[in-house]
Amino acid sequence: MEENTVRAHCPVCKAPFLWRSDSPWRPFCSERCRLIDLGAWLDEGYRIAEETESSAPFLHPEEQ
């Protein structure tokens, strides 16, 4: 195995693959998995969580 090659698992299909510095689809195993992931973002399948009151930064009463 080359020095810049690592064994990894695709985040979409979970298949093992060799992560190399010249892999065109990193962090995915193939273009198909890359496009599936892009489609999930575009269809709003993935979302970034909103801050809740408990995780929001503290505001002084006069700033509210």
C-alpha atoms as a PDB file:
ATOM      1  CA  MET A   1       0.000   0.000   0.000  1.00  0.00           C
ATOM      2  CA  GLU A   2       1.327   3.456  -0.892  1.00  0.00           C
ATOM      3  CA  GLU A   3       2.260   5.965   1.783  1.00  0.00           C
ATOM      4  CA  ASN A   4      -0.698   8.286   0.997  1.00  0.00           C
ATOM      5  CA  THR A   5      -3.267   5.462   0.760  1.00  0.00           C
ATOM      6  CA  VAL A   6      -5.713   4.824   3.596  1.00  0.00           C
ATOM      7  CA  ARG A   7      -8.507   2.277   3.923  1.00  0.00           C
ATOM      8  CA  ALA A   8     -11.825   4.079   4.393  1.00  0.00           C
ATOM      9  CA  HIS A   9     -15.565   3.450   4.138  1.00  0.00           C
ATOM     10  CA  CYS A  10     -17.826   5.386   1.794  1.00  0.00           C
ATOM     11  CA  PRO A  11     -20.253   7.581   3.796  1.00  0.00           C
ATOM     12  CA  VAL A  12     -23.099   6.717   1.389  1.00  0.00           C
ATOM     13  CA  CYS A  13     -22.868   2.974   0.674  1.00  0.00           C
ATOM     14  CA  LYS A  14     -20.427   2.029   3.471  1.00  0.00           C
ATOM     15  CA  ALA A  15     -18.272   0.048   1.006  1.00  0.00           C
ATOM     16  CA  PRO A  16     -14.581  -0.137   1.875  1.00  0.00           C
ATOM     17  CA  PHE A  17     -12.256   1.632  -0.557  1.00  0.00           C
ATOM     18  CA  LEU A  18      -8.705   2.913  -0.744  1.00  0.00           C
ATOM     19  CA  TRP A  19      -8.550   6.638   0.000  1.00  0.00           C
ATOM     20  CA  ARG A  20      -5.685   7.983  -2.088  1.00  0.00           C
ATOM     21  CA  SER A  21      -4.574  11.556  -2.596  1.00  0.00           C
ATOM     22  CA  ASP A  22      -5.461  11.313  -6.303  1.00  0.00           C
ATOM     23  CA  SER A  23      -8.955   9.799  -5.831  1.00  0.00           C
ATOM     24  CA  PRO A  24     -11.369  12.030  -7.780  1.00  0.00           C
ATOM     25  CA  TRP A  25     -14.441  11.201  -5.639  1.00  0.00           C
ATOM     26  CA  ARG A  26     -13.046  11.532  -2.108  1.00  0.00           C
ATOM     27  CA  PRO A  27     -14.620  11.021   0.426  1.00  0.00           C
ATOM     28  CA  PHE A  28     -16.869   8.763  -1.662  1.00  0.00           C
ATOM     29  CA  CYS A  29     -15.994   5.485  -3.372  1.00  0.00           C
ATOM     30  CA  SER A  30     -17.466   6.460  -6.750  1.00  0.00           C
ATOM     31  CA  GLU A  31     -19.094   9.206  -8.762  1.00  0.00           C
ATOM     32  CA  ARG A  32     -22.457   7.496  -8.173  1.00  0.00           C
ATOM     33  CA  CYS A  33     -22.143   7.862  -4.384  1.00  0.00           C
ATOM     34  CA  ARG A  34     -20.947  11.454  -4.774  1.00  0.00           C
ATOM     35  CA  LEU A  35     -24.061  12.277  -6.832  1.00  0.00           C
ATOM     36  CA  ILE A  36     -26.374  10.482  -4.377  1.00  0.00           C
ATOM     37  CA  ASP A  37     -24.950  12.634  -1.571  1.00  0.00           C
ATOM     38  CA  LEU A  38     -25.308  15.825  -3.639  1.00  0.00           C
ATOM     39  CA  GLY A  39     -28.921  14.901  -4.390  1.00  0.00           C
ATOM     40  CA  ALA A  40     -29.637  14.433  -0.681  1.00  0.00           C
ATOM     41  CA  TRP A  41     -28.324  17.956   0.032  1.00  0.00           C
ATOM     42  CA  LEU A  42     -30.317  19.459  -2.857  1.00  0.00           C
ATOM     43  CA  ASP A  43     -33.509  17.665  -1.750  1.00  0.00           C
ATOM     44  CA  GLU A  44     -32.888  18.978   1.786  1.00  0.00           C
ATOM     45  CA  GLY A  45     -32.390  15.445   3.086  1.00  0.00           C
ATOM     46  CA  TYR A  46     -29.511  16.784   5.154  1.00  0.00           C
ATOM     47  CA  ARG A  47     -29.965  19.829   7.341  1.00  0.00           C
ATOM     48  CA  ILE A  48     -27.813  21.863   9.651  1.00  0.00           C
ATOM     49  CA  ALA A  49     -29.459  21.984  13.062  1.00  0.00           C
ATOM     50  CA  GLU A  50     -30.806  25.287  14.376  1.00  0.00           C
ATOM     51  CA  GLU A  51     -29.539  26.695  17.610  1.00  0.00           C
ATOM     52  CA  THR A  52     -31.929  26.137  20.475  1.00  0.00           C
ATOM     53  CA  GLU A  53     -32.354  28.588  23.323  1.00  0.00           C
ATOM     54  CA  SER A  54     -30.070  26.528  25.537  1.00  0.00           C
ATOM     55  CA  SER A  55     -27.259  26.517  22.942  1.00  0.00           C
ATOM     56  CA  ALA A  56     -27.637  30.169  21.872  1.00  0.00           C
ATOM     57  CA  PRO A  57     -25.012  32.602  23.139  1.00  0.00           C
ATOM     58  CA  PHE A  58     -25.842  34.427  26.356  1.00  0.00           C
ATOM     59  CA  LEU A  59     -27.290  37.907  25.849  1.00  0.00           C
ATOM     60  CA  HIS A  60     -27.432  40.570  28.520  1.00  0.00           C
ATOM     61  CA  PRO A  61     -31.009  41.712  29.321  1.00  0.00           C
ATOM     62  CA  GLU A  62     -30.390  45.161  27.776  1.00  0.00           C
ATOM     63  CA  GLU A  63     -29.288  43.519  24.485  1.00  0.00           C
ATOM     64  CA  GLN A  64     -32.529  41.560  24.094  1.00  0.00           C
END
